[in-house]
C-alpha atoms as a PDB file:
ATOM      1  CA  MET A   1      -0.038  -0.125   0.097  1.00  0.00           C
ATOM      2  CA  LYS A   2       1.333   3.305  -0.940  1.00  0.00           C
ATOM      3  CA  PRO A   3       1.610   6.463   1.973  1.00  0.00           C
ATOM      4  CA  ILE A   4      -1.047   8.920   1.339  1.00  0.00           C
ATOM      5  CA  ALA A   5       0.530  11.806  -0.467  1.00  0.00           C
ATOM      6  CA  PRO A   6       1.275  15.240   1.345  1.00  0.00           C
ATOM      7  CA  SER A   7      -0.913  17.258  -1.268  1.00  0.00           C
ATOM      8  CA  GLU A   8      -3.868  15.166  -0.090  1.00  0.00           C
ATOM      9  CA  LEU A   9      -3.207  14.745   3.548  1.00  0.00           C
ATOM     10  CA  ILE A  10      -1.535  17.877   4.754  1.00  0.00           C
ATOM     11  CA  ILE A  11       0.285  17.390   8.041  1.00  0.00           C
ATOM     12  CA  ASN A  12       1.771  21.348   9.544  1.00  0.00           C
ATOM     13  CA  SER A  13       5.163  21.623  11.376  1.00  0.00           C
ATOM     14  CA  ARG A  14       3.858  20.438  14.521  1.00  0.00           C
ATOM     15  CA  GLY A  15       2.487  17.232  13.279  1.00  0.00           C
ATOM     16  CA  ALA A  16      -1.115  17.501  13.283  1.00  0.00           C
ATOM     17  CA  VAL A  17      -3.870  17.431  10.603  1.00  0.00           C
ATOM     18  CA  TYR A  18      -4.092  21.000   8.635  1.00  0.00           C
ATOM     19  CA  HIS A  19      -7.205  22.669   9.210  1.00  0.00           C
ATOM     20  CA  LEU A  20      -8.522  21.348  12.702  1.00  0.00           C
ATOM     21  CA  ASP A  21      -4.666  21.439  13.883  1.00  0.00           C
ATOM     22  CA  LEU A  22      -5.221  18.699  15.903  1.00  0.00           C
ATOM     23  CA  ARG A  23      -2.725  15.672  16.842  1.00  0.00           C
ATOM     24  CA  PRO A  24      -3.882  12.081  17.582  1.00  0.00           C
ATOM     25  CA  GLU A  25      -3.360  12.255  21.526  1.00  0.00           C
ATOM     26  CA  GLU A  26      -5.623  15.865  21.225  1.00  0.00           C
ATOM     27  CA  LEU A  27      -8.679  14.238  20.089  1.00  0.00           C
ATOM     28  CA  ALA A  28     -10.948  12.100  22.390  1.00  0.00           C
ATOM     29  CA  PRO A  29     -13.469   8.721  21.615  1.00  0.00           C
ATOM     30  CA  THR A  30     -16.645  11.124  21.912  1.00  0.00           C
ATOM     31  CA  VAL A  31     -16.476  14.299  19.936  1.00  0.00           C
ATOM     32  CA  ILE A  32     -19.487  17.129  19.729  1.00  0.00           C
ATOM     33  CA  THR A  33     -19.571  19.367  16.540  1.00  0.00           C
ATOM     34  CA  VAL A  34     -20.974  22.392  16.862  1.00  0.00           C
ATOM     35  CA  GLY A  35     -21.153  25.100  14.457  1.00  0.00           C
ATOM     36  CA  ASP A  36     -20.327  28.342  16.349  1.00  0.00           C
ATOM     37  CA  PRO A  37     -16.429  28.709  17.719  1.00  0.00           C
ATOM     38  CA  GLY A  38     -18.206  30.777  20.219  1.00  0.00           C
ATOM     39  CA  ARG A  39     -20.462  27.794  21.525  1.00  0.00           C
ATOM     40  CA  VAL A  40     -16.999  25.849  22.329  1.00  0.00           C
ATOM     41  CA  ALA A  41     -16.416  27.541  25.538  1.00  0.00           C
ATOM     42  CA  GLU A  42     -20.179  26.998  26.311  1.00  0.00           C
ATOM     43  CA  VAL A  43     -20.116  23.532  26.156  1.00  0.00           C
ATOM     44  CA  SER A  44     -16.324  22.817  27.572  1.00  0.00           C
ATOM     45  CA  LYS A  45     -17.401  24.966  31.013  1.00  0.00           C
ATOM     46  CA  TYR A  46     -19.079  21.918  32.089  1.00  0.00           C
ATOM     47  CA  PHE A  47     -15.883  20.039  31.994  1.00  0.00           C
ATOM     48  CA  ASP A  48     -14.313  19.033  35.439  1.00  0.00           C
ATOM     49  CA  GLN A  49     -10.674  19.222  33.101  1.00  0.00           C
ATOM     50  CA  VAL A  50      -9.548  20.699  30.378  1.00  0.00           C
ATOM     51  CA  GLU A  51      -6.402  19.534  28.638  1.00  0.00           C
ATOM     52  CA  HIS A  52      -5.977  21.032  25.620  1.00  0.00           C
ATOM     53  CA  LYS A  53      -7.497  23.997  23.759  1.00  0.00           C
ATOM     54  CA  GLY A  54      -6.571  24.938  20.284  1.00  0.00           C
ATOM     55  CA  GLU A  55      -7.732  27.274  17.205  1.00  0.00           C
ATOM     56  CA  HIS A  56      -7.074  27.460  13.710  1.00  0.00           C
ATOM     57  CA  ARG A  57      -9.139  29.178  11.347  1.00  0.00           C
ATOM     58  CA  GLU A  58     -12.705  28.403  12.342  1.00  0.00           C
ATOM     59  CA  PHE A  59     -12.231  25.583  14.407  1.00  0.00           C
ATOM     60  CA  VAL A  60     -11.780  25.529  17.641  1.00  0.00           C
ATOM     61  CA  THR A  61     -11.312  22.638  19.954  1.00  0.00           C
ATOM     62  CA  HIS A  62     -11.364  21.999  23.696  1.00  0.00           C
ATOM     63  CA  THR A  63     -10.726  18.466  25.083  1.00  0.00           C
ATOM     64  CA  GLY A  64     -11.127  17.707  28.585  1.00  0.00           C
ATOM     65  CA  ARG A  65     -12.978  15.077  31.041  1.00  0.00           C
ATOM     66  CA  ILE A  66     -16.128  15.111  32.401  1.00  0.00           C
ATOM     67  CA  GLY A  67     -15.490  12.881  35.685  1.00  0.00           C
ATOM     68  CA  GLN A  68     -12.955   9.736  33.867  1.00  0.00           C
ATOM     69  CA  LYS A  69     -14.295   9.831  30.203  1.00  0.00           C
ATOM     70  CA  ARG A  70     -12.851  11.832  27.455  1.00  0.00           C
ATOM     71  CA  ILE A  71     -14.202  14.469  25.507  1.00  0.00           C
ATOM     72  CA  THR A  72     -13.911  16.746  22.459  1.00  0.00           C
ATOM     73  CA  VAL A  73     -15.689  19.531  21.627  1.00  0.00           C
ATOM     74  CA  LEU A  74     -14.912  21.021  18.148  1.00  0.00           C
ATOM     75  CA  SER A  75     -16.513  24.246  16.027  1.00  0.00           C
ATOM     76  CA  SER A  76     -17.506  22.870  12.627  1.00  0.00           C
ATOM     77  CA  GLY A  77     -18.009  25.797  11.016  1.00  0.00           C
ATOM     78  CA  ILE A  78     -21.098  26.457   8.907  1.00  0.00           C
ATOM     79  CA  GLY A  79     -22.372  23.692   5.716  1.00  0.00           C
ATOM     80  CA  PRO A  80     -21.433  20.645   4.168  1.00  0.00           C
ATOM     81  CA  ASP A  81     -18.511  21.966   2.806  1.00  0.00           C
ATOM     82  CA  ASN A  82     -16.519  22.511   6.350  1.00  0.00           C
ATOM     83  CA  ILE A  83     -17.991  19.029   7.547  1.00  0.00           C
ATOM     84  CA  ASP A  84     -16.367  17.222   4.603  1.00  0.00           C
ATOM     85  CA  ILE A  85     -13.038  18.872   5.940  1.00  0.00           C
ATOM     86  CA  VAL A  86     -13.792  18.012   9.690  1.00  0.00           C
ATOM     87  CA  MET A  87     -14.884  14.522   8.993  1.00  0.00           C
ATOM     88  CA  ASN A  88     -12.298  13.380   7.077  1.00  0.00           C
ATOM     89  CA  GLU A  89      -9.736  14.414   9.545  1.00  0.00           C
ATOM     90  CA  LEU A  90     -11.361  13.643  12.609  1.00  0.00           C
ATOM     91  CA  ASP A  91     -10.641   9.961  10.899  1.00  0.00           C
ATOM     92  CA  ALA A  92      -6.996  10.877   9.788  1.00  0.00           C
ATOM     93  CA  LEU A  93      -6.491  10.917  13.677  1.00  0.00           C
ATOM     94  CA  VAL A  94      -7.593   8.104  14.542  1.00  0.00           C
ATOM     95  CA  ASN A  95      -7.403   5.976  11.691  1.00  0.00           C
ATOM     96  CA  VAL A  96      -4.483   7.296   9.913  1.00  0.00           C
ATOM     97  CA  ASP A  97      -0.498   6.673  11.006  1.00  0.00           C
ATOM     98  CA  LEU A  98       0.800  10.470  10.744  1.00  0.00           C
ATOM     99  CA  ASP A  99       4.436   9.376  10.651  1.00  0.00           C
ATOM    100  CA  THR A 100       4.274   6.890   7.509  1.00  0.00           C
ATOM    101  CA  ARG A 101       0.922   8.005   5.847  1.00  0.00           C
ATOM    102  CA  LEU A 102      -0.056   4.481   6.306  1.00  0.00           C
ATOM    103  CA  PRO A 103      -3.875   3.734   6.942  1.00  0.00           C
ATOM    104  CA  LYS A 104      -3.950   1.790  10.480  1.00  0.00           C
ATOM    105  CA  LYS A 105      -4.498  -2.082  10.162  1.00  0.00           C
ATOM    106  CA  GLU A 106      -7.011  -1.650  13.413  1.00  0.00           C
ATOM    107  CA  LEU A 107      -9.656   0.677  13.137  1.00  0.00           C
ATOM    108  CA  ASN A 108     -11.236   2.596  15.115  1.00  0.00           C
ATOM    109  CA  SER A 109     -14.526   4.475  15.574  1.00  0.00           C
ATOM    110  CA  LEU A 110     -15.755   7.600  17.357  1.00  0.00           C
ATOM    111  CA  ARG A 111     -18.875   8.856  18.688  1.00  0.00           C
ATOM    112  CA  ILE A 112     -19.591  12.293  16.715  1.00  0.00           C
ATOM    113  CA  ILE A 113     -22.528  14.139  17.995  1.00  0.00           C
ATOM    114  CA  ARG A 114     -23.968  17.114  16.450  1.00  0.00           C
ATOM    115  CA  LEU A 115     -25.335  20.157  18.644  1.00  0.00           C
ATOM    116  CA  GLY A 116     -26.846  22.523  16.880  1.00  0.00           C
ATOM    117  CA  THR A 117     -29.506  24.892  16.269  1.00  0.00           C
ATOM    118  CA  THR A 118     -32.501  24.260  13.171  1.00  0.00           C
ATOM    119  CA  GLY A 119     -35.755  25.423  11.982  1.00  0.00           C
ATOM    120  CA  SER A 120     -38.408  23.418  12.381  1.00  0.00           C
ATOM    121  CA  LEU A 121     -40.826  22.267   9.607  1.00  0.00           C
ATOM    122  CA  GLN A 122     -43.519  21.294  11.559  1.00  0.00           C
ATOM    123  CA  LYS A 123     -46.216  23.477  13.314  1.00  0.00           C
ATOM    124  CA  ASP A 124     -46.522  21.106  16.456  1.00  0.00           C
ATOM    125  CA  ILE A 125     -42.368  21.210  16.487  1.00  0.00           C
ATOM    126  CA  PRO A 126     -42.639  24.383  18.905  1.00  0.00           C
ATOM    127  CA  VAL A 127     -39.084  26.832  19.144  1.00  0.00           C
ATOM    128  CA  ASP A 128     -37.443  26.099  22.523  1.00  0.00           C
ATOM    129  CA  SER A 129     -37.944  22.299  21.756  1.00  0.00           C
ATOM    130  CA  LEU A 130     -35.018  19.411  20.919  1.00  0.00           C
ATOM    131  CA  VAL A 131     -35.024  17.437  17.846  1.00  0.00           C
ATOM    132  CA  ALA A 132     -33.273  14.177  17.585  1.00  0.00           C
ATOM    133  CA  SER A 133     -32.504  13.650  13.646  1.00  0.00           C
ATOM    134  CA  THR A 134     -33.376   9.917  12.985  1.00  0.00           C
ATOM    135  CA  HIS A 135     -31.962  10.488   8.949  1.00  0.00           C
ATOM    136  CA  GLY A 136     -29.583  12.968   7.331  1.00  0.00           C
ATOM    137  CA  LEU A 137     -31.412  13.973   3.896  1.00  0.00           C
ATOM    138  CA  GLY A 138     -28.931  15.787   2.137  1.00  0.00           C
ATOM    139  CA  ILE A 139     -29.962  18.300  -0.848  1.00  0.00           C
ATOM    140  CA  ASP A 140     -26.999  19.504  -1.232  1.00  0.00           C
ATOM    141  CA  ASN A 141     -24.070  17.270  -3.641  1.00  0.00           C
ATOM    142  CA  LEU A 142     -21.222  16.430  -1.150  1.00  0.00           C
ATOM    143  CA  LEU A 143     -21.892  12.595  -0.492  1.00  0.00           C
ATOM    144  CA  HIS A 144     -22.315  12.204  -4.362  1.00  0.00           C
ATOM    145  CA  TYR A 145     -18.448  12.813  -4.576  1.00  0.00           C
ATOM    146  CA  TYR A 146     -17.956   9.271  -2.504  1.00  0.00           C
ATOM    147  CA  LYS A 147     -19.022   5.598  -3.344  1.00  0.00           C
ATOM    148  CA  MET A 148     -21.998   5.138  -0.901  1.00  0.00           C
ATOM    149  CA  GLU A 149     -25.114   2.540  -1.121  1.00  0.00           C
ATOM    150  CA  PRO A 150     -28.038   3.239   0.532  1.00  0.00           C
ATOM    151  CA  THR A 151     -29.911   0.556   2.332  1.00  0.00           C
ATOM    152  CA  THR A 152     -33.061  -0.450   1.262  1.00  0.00           C
ATOM    153  CA  ASP A 153     -35.438   1.348   3.887  1.00  0.00           C
ATOM    154  CA  GLU A 154     -33.185   4.609   3.050  1.00  0.00           C
ATOM    155  CA  VAL A 155     -33.884   3.848  -1.081  1.00  0.00           C
ATOM    156  CA  ASN A 156     -37.715   3.423  -0.234  1.00  0.00           C
ATOM    157  CA  LEU A 157     -37.240   7.006   1.775  1.00  0.00           C
ATOM    158  CA  LEU A 158     -35.269   8.744  -1.053  1.00  0.00           C
ATOM    159  CA  ASP A 159     -38.019   7.314  -3.210  1.00  0.00           C
ATOM    160  CA  ALA A 160     -40.676   8.388  -1.897  1.00  0.00           C
ATOM    161  CA  PHE A 161     -39.121  11.725  -0.912  1.00  0.00           C
ATOM    162  CA  CYS A 162     -38.398  12.601  -4.792  1.00  0.00           C
ATOM    163  CA  SER A 163     -42.048  10.998  -5.908  1.00  0.00           C
ATOM    164  CA  GLN A 164     -43.537  13.673  -3.288  1.00  0.00           C
ATOM    165  CA  THR A 165     -41.745  16.730  -3.903  1.00  0.00           C
ATOM    166  CA  GLN A 166     -40.097  15.504  -7.206  1.00  0.00           C
ATOM    167  CA  PHE A 167     -37.104  17.487  -5.718  1.00  0.00           C
ATOM    168  CA  HIS A 168     -34.860  15.551  -8.005  1.00  0.00           C
ATOM    169  CA  HIS A 169     -36.593  17.385 -11.154  1.00  0.00           C
ATOM    170  CA  LEU A 170     -35.393  20.698  -8.808  1.00  0.00           C
ATOM    171  CA  SER A 171     -31.778  20.356  -8.097  1.00  0.00           C
ATOM    172  CA  GLY A 172     -30.793  17.002  -8.695  1.00  0.00           C
ATOM    173  CA  LEU A 173     -30.597  13.797  -6.643  1.00  0.00           C
ATOM    174  CA  PRO A 174     -30.404  13.937  -3.158  1.00  0.00           C
ATOM    175  CA  TYR A 175     -29.189  11.532  -0.708  1.00  0.00           C
ATOM    176  CA  ILE A 176     -29.769   9.977   2.655  1.00  0.00           C
ATOM    177  CA  SER A 177     -28.320   8.313   5.695  1.00  0.00           C
ATOM    178  CA  SER A 178     -29.465   7.464   9.368  1.00  0.00           C
ATOM    179  CA  ALA A 179     -28.448   7.943  12.612  1.00  0.00           C
ATOM    180  CA  ALA A 180     -26.302   5.601  14.733  1.00  0.00           C
ATOM    181  CA  PRO A 181     -29.273   3.585  16.368  1.00  0.00           C
ATOM    182  CA  SER A 182     -27.213   3.088  19.980  1.00  0.00           C
ATOM    183  CA  LEU A 183     -26.819   6.707  20.321  1.00  0.00           C
ATOM    184  CA  LEU A 184     -30.250   7.731  18.859  1.00  0.00           C
ATOM    185  CA  GLY A 185     -32.089   5.458  21.534  1.00  0.00           C
ATOM    186  CA  LEU A 186     -30.291   7.236  24.162  1.00  0.00           C
ATOM    187  CA  PHE A 187     -32.463  10.357  23.525  1.00  0.00           C
ATOM    188  CA  VAL A 188     -36.599   9.355  23.131  1.00  0.00           C
ATOM    189  CA  ALA A 189     -38.093  10.390  26.642  1.00  0.00           C
ATOM    190  CA  ASP A 190     -38.123  14.257  25.982  1.00  0.00           C
ATOM    191  CA  LEU A 191     -37.095  14.929  22.388  1.00  0.00           C
ATOM    192  CA  TYR A 192     -38.926  15.313  18.878  1.00  0.00           C
ATOM    193  CA  HIS A 193     -37.509  12.670  16.065  1.00  0.00           C
ATOM    194  CA  GLY A 194     -37.740  13.344  12.511  1.00  0.00           C
ATOM    195  CA  ILE A 195     -35.820  13.285   9.195  1.00  0.00           C
ATOM    196  CA  THR A 196     -33.551  16.327   8.621  1.00  0.00           C
ATOM    197  CA  ILE A 197     -33.432  17.948   5.750  1.00  0.00           C
ATOM    198  CA  THR A 198     -29.157  19.528   5.127  1.00  0.00           C
ATOM    199  CA  ALA A 199     -29.265  22.539   3.017  1.00  0.00           C
ATOM    200  CA  PRO A 200     -26.329  23.902   1.108  1.00  0.00           C
ATOM    201  CA  GLY A 201     -27.278  27.411   2.142  1.00  0.00           C
ATOM    202  CA  PHE A 202     -29.425  29.474   4.424  1.00  0.00           C
ATOM    203  CA  TYR A 203     -31.699  31.581   2.283  1.00  0.00           C
ATOM    204  CA  GLY A 204     -32.599  30.323  -1.137  1.00  0.00           C
ATOM    205  CA  PRO A 205     -31.822  26.735  -0.338  1.00  0.00           C
ATOM    206  CA  GLN A 206     -33.783  27.141   2.613  1.00  0.00           C
ATOM    207  CA  GLY A 207     -36.671  28.770   0.986  1.00  0.00           C
ATOM    208  CA  ARG A 208     -36.090  32.072   2.623  1.00  0.00           C
ATOM    209  CA  VAL A 209     -36.540  35.050   0.922  1.00  0.00           C
ATOM    210  CA  VAL A 210     -34.754  38.417   1.132  1.00  0.00           C
ATOM    211  CA  ARG A 211     -34.655  40.217  -1.692  1.00  0.00           C
ATOM    212  CA  LEU A 212     -34.199  37.515  -4.665  1.00  0.00           C
ATOM    213  CA  GLY A 213     -36.802  35.392  -6.328  1.00  0.00           C
ATOM    214  CA  LEU A 214     -37.045  31.647  -5.334  1.00  0.00           C
ATOM    215  CA  LYS A 215     -37.211  29.301  -8.159  1.00  0.00           C
ATOM    216  CA  HIS A 216     -38.998  26.408  -6.570  1.00  0.00           C
ATOM    217  CA  PRO A 217     -41.149  28.743  -3.991  1.00  0.00           C
ATOM    218  CA  GLN A 218     -43.295  25.737  -2.922  1.00  0.00           C
ATOM    219  CA  PHE A 219     -40.567  23.417  -2.122  1.00  0.00           C
ATOM    220  CA  VAL A 220     -40.510  23.989   1.584  1.00  0.00           C
ATOM    221  CA  ASP A 221     -44.411  23.435   1.980  1.00  0.00           C
ATOM    222  CA  SER A 222     -43.638  19.912   0.065  1.00  0.00           C
ATOM    223  CA  LEU A 223     -40.976  18.898   2.999  1.00  0.00           C
ATOM    224  CA  THR A 224     -43.640  19.970   5.478  1.00  0.00           C
ATOM    225  CA  GLN A 225     -46.363  18.079   4.278  1.00  0.00           C
ATOM    226  CA  PHE A 226     -43.952  14.804   2.847  1.00  0.00           C
ATOM    227  CA  ARG A 227     -45.200  11.667   5.045  1.00  0.00           C
ATOM    228  CA  HIS A 228     -43.731   7.727   4.482  1.00  0.00           C
ATOM    229  CA  GLY A 229     -45.301   5.699   7.270  1.00  0.00           C
ATOM    230  CA  MET A 230     -44.229   6.887  10.112  1.00  0.00           C
ATOM    231  CA  HIS A 231     -41.365   9.419   8.796  1.00  0.00           C
ATOM    232  CA  ARG A 232     -41.994  12.796   8.510  1.00  0.00           C
ATOM    233  CA  ILE A 233     -39.302  15.920   7.833  1.00  0.00           C
ATOM    234  CA  SER A 234     -38.997  17.547  11.435  1.00  0.00           C
ATOM    235  CA  ASN A 235     -36.762  20.217  10.310  1.00  0.00           C
ATOM    236  CA  MET A 236     -34.133  21.845   7.736  1.00  0.00           C
ATOM    237  CA  GLU A 237     -30.160  23.258   8.613  1.00  0.00           C
ATOM    238  CA  MET A 238     -26.861  22.714   6.902  1.00  0.00           C
ATOM    239  CA  GLU A 239     -24.567  19.863   8.582  1.00  0.00           C
ATOM    240  CA  THR A 240     -26.594  16.461   9.646  1.00  0.00           C
ATOM    241  CA  ALA A 241     -26.922  14.809   5.859  1.00  0.00           C
ATOM    242  CA  ALA A 242     -22.976  15.665   5.591  1.00  0.00           C
ATOM    243  CA  ILE A 243     -22.186  14.009   9.102  1.00  0.00           C
ATOM    244  CA  TYR A 244     -24.400  10.814   8.935  1.00  0.00           C
ATOM    245  CA  GLY A 245     -22.574  10.134   5.825  1.00  0.00           C
ATOM    246  CA  LEU A 246     -19.642  10.382   5.973  1.00  0.00           C
ATOM    247  CA  GLY A 247     -19.734   8.682   9.300  1.00  0.00           C
ATOM    248  CA  ARG A 248     -21.470   5.794   8.239  1.00  0.00           C
ATOM    249  CA  LEU A 249     -18.838   5.407   5.219  1.00  0.00           C
ATOM    250  CA  LEU A 250     -15.444   6.163   7.649  1.00  0.00           C
ATOM    251  CA  GLY A 251     -17.278   3.473   9.930  1.00  0.00           C
ATOM    252  CA  HIS A 252     -18.002   6.366  12.924  1.00  0.00           C
ATOM    253  CA  GLN A 253     -21.246   6.289  15.451  1.00  0.00           C
ATOM    254  CA  CYS A 254     -23.141  10.017  14.774  1.00  0.00           C
ATOM    255  CA  LEU A 255     -25.988  11.800  15.969  1.00  0.00           C
ATOM    256  CA  ALA A 256     -27.386  15.492  15.729  1.00  0.00           C
ATOM    257  CA  LEU A 257     -29.585  16.713  18.499  1.00  0.00           C
ATOM    258  CA  ASN A 258     -30.600  20.226  17.613  1.00  0.00           C
ATOM    259  CA  ALA A 259     -31.781  23.409  19.251  1.00  0.00           C
ATOM    260  CA  VAL A 260     -35.037  24.737  17.101  1.00  0.00           C
ATOM    261  CA  VAL A 261     -34.897  28.306  17.047  1.00  0.00           C
ATOM    262  CA  ALA A 262     -37.235  29.094  14.369  1.00  0.00           C
ATOM    263  CA  ASN A 263     -40.700  27.675  13.341  1.00  0.00           C
ATOM    264  CA  ARG A 264     -40.692  28.043   9.426  1.00  0.00           C
ATOM    265  CA  VAL A 265     -44.766  26.977   9.138  1.00  0.00           C
ATOM    266  CA  SER A 266     -45.785  29.124  11.896  1.00  0.00           C
ATOM    267  CA  GLN A 267     -42.984  32.051  10.857  1.00  0.00           C
ATOM    268  CA  THR A 268     -41.882  32.238  14.849  1.00  0.00           C
ATOM    269  CA  PHE A 269     -38.099  32.532  16.252  1.00  0.00           C
ATOM    270  CA  SER A 270     -37.374  31.795  19.791  1.00  0.00           C
ATOM    271  CA  GLN A 271     -36.771  34.638  22.330  1.00  0.00           C
ATOM    272  CA  ASN A 272     -33.914  33.460  23.628  1.00  0.00           C
ATOM    273  CA  VAL A 273     -31.595  31.148  21.534  1.00  0.00           C
ATOM    274  CA  GLN A 274     -28.879  30.973  24.277  1.00  0.00           C
ATOM    275  CA  ALA A 275     -31.091  29.671  26.916  1.00  0.00           C
ATOM    276  CA  ALA A 276     -32.542  27.324  24.411  1.00  0.00           C
ATOM    277  CA  VAL A 277     -28.937  25.766  23.241  1.00  0.00           C
ATOM    278  CA  GLU A 278     -27.629  25.667  26.567  1.00  0.00           C
ATOM    279  CA  LYS A 279     -31.168  23.591  27.404  1.00  0.00           C
ATOM    280  CA  LEU A 280     -29.369  21.436  25.089  1.00  0.00           C
ATOM    281  CA  ILE A 281     -25.834  20.913  26.137  1.00  0.00           C
ATOM    282  CA  GLN A 282     -27.206  20.206  29.644  1.00  0.00           C
ATOM    283  CA  ARG A 283     -29.256  17.696  27.906  1.00  0.00           C
ATOM    284  CA  PHE A 284     -26.413  15.769  26.371  1.00  0.00           C
ATOM    285  CA  LEU A 285     -23.805  16.145  28.784  1.00  0.00           C
ATOM    286  CA  GLN A 286     -26.075  14.668  31.736  1.00  0.00           C
ATOM    287  CA  THR A 287     -26.682  11.583  28.824  1.00  0.00           C
ATOM    288  CA  PHE A 288     -23.000  11.540  28.303  1.00  0.00           C
ATOM    289  CA  ALA A 289     -22.092  11.059  32.090  1.00  0.00           C
ATOM    290  CA  ASP A 290     -24.807   8.695  32.916  1.00  0.00           C
ATOM    291  CA  ASP A 291     -25.094   6.609  29.819  1.00  0.00           C
ATOM    292  CA  LEU A 292     -22.169   6.871  27.019  1.00  0.00           C
END
């Protein structure tokens, strides 16, 4: 097997992966990703100990411990393109020998949990509630650059989605991937569940109108109305499908949990986004301390 070329996996002068500026020993087996760099400290303030802090571009990392359990919180930035960097470099840290540039013979599986904000697409999922994503359905094109085979159930969901929304005629084929069942099962009692749409932008791709008109003005309504068996689309944001898809391909366990800060049906917005995010952080960390 040939080593991975320096142009393909960039390692900086301190032996860290380039964009995240992390070395393998600075990463914990459980990784929280947050979009906002400022939210990293809002998570790590609950750590009993912080052993590493780093920052490069929009990627801020704090690694520490809660009790005896090691945990990392990392800002991913916004959008599927950033997730492509984050997921591949996280995987390289645990599954590539950075000295020899060869994949390890025994591969490691990270637990990667997104704690984000989102807009609800259902009237009965109000602002300030929490949503766990059963699936990420990408209307961006990131996963089309990788070899990915959906399960039979996922194919059926995609077929139903395309049939009901006609999305494939609007902007190309979507993709879908599922949450890790072992993680999703820990967040049942007090969270809404549903399919999360991952969009490649915040305004037009999510059906928002400021000054520019939309090519497909009824698209968001079609997402709200989608049904397939017990499945419906709960919310829309910009990262989950990319995390789920790349996580599956790389062998990691992934889950996305989001605080609802906007309801696109009732056109309402949270009066206290910080409190909603704080509730999400506390909910996850309590489960981490008790069950992970």
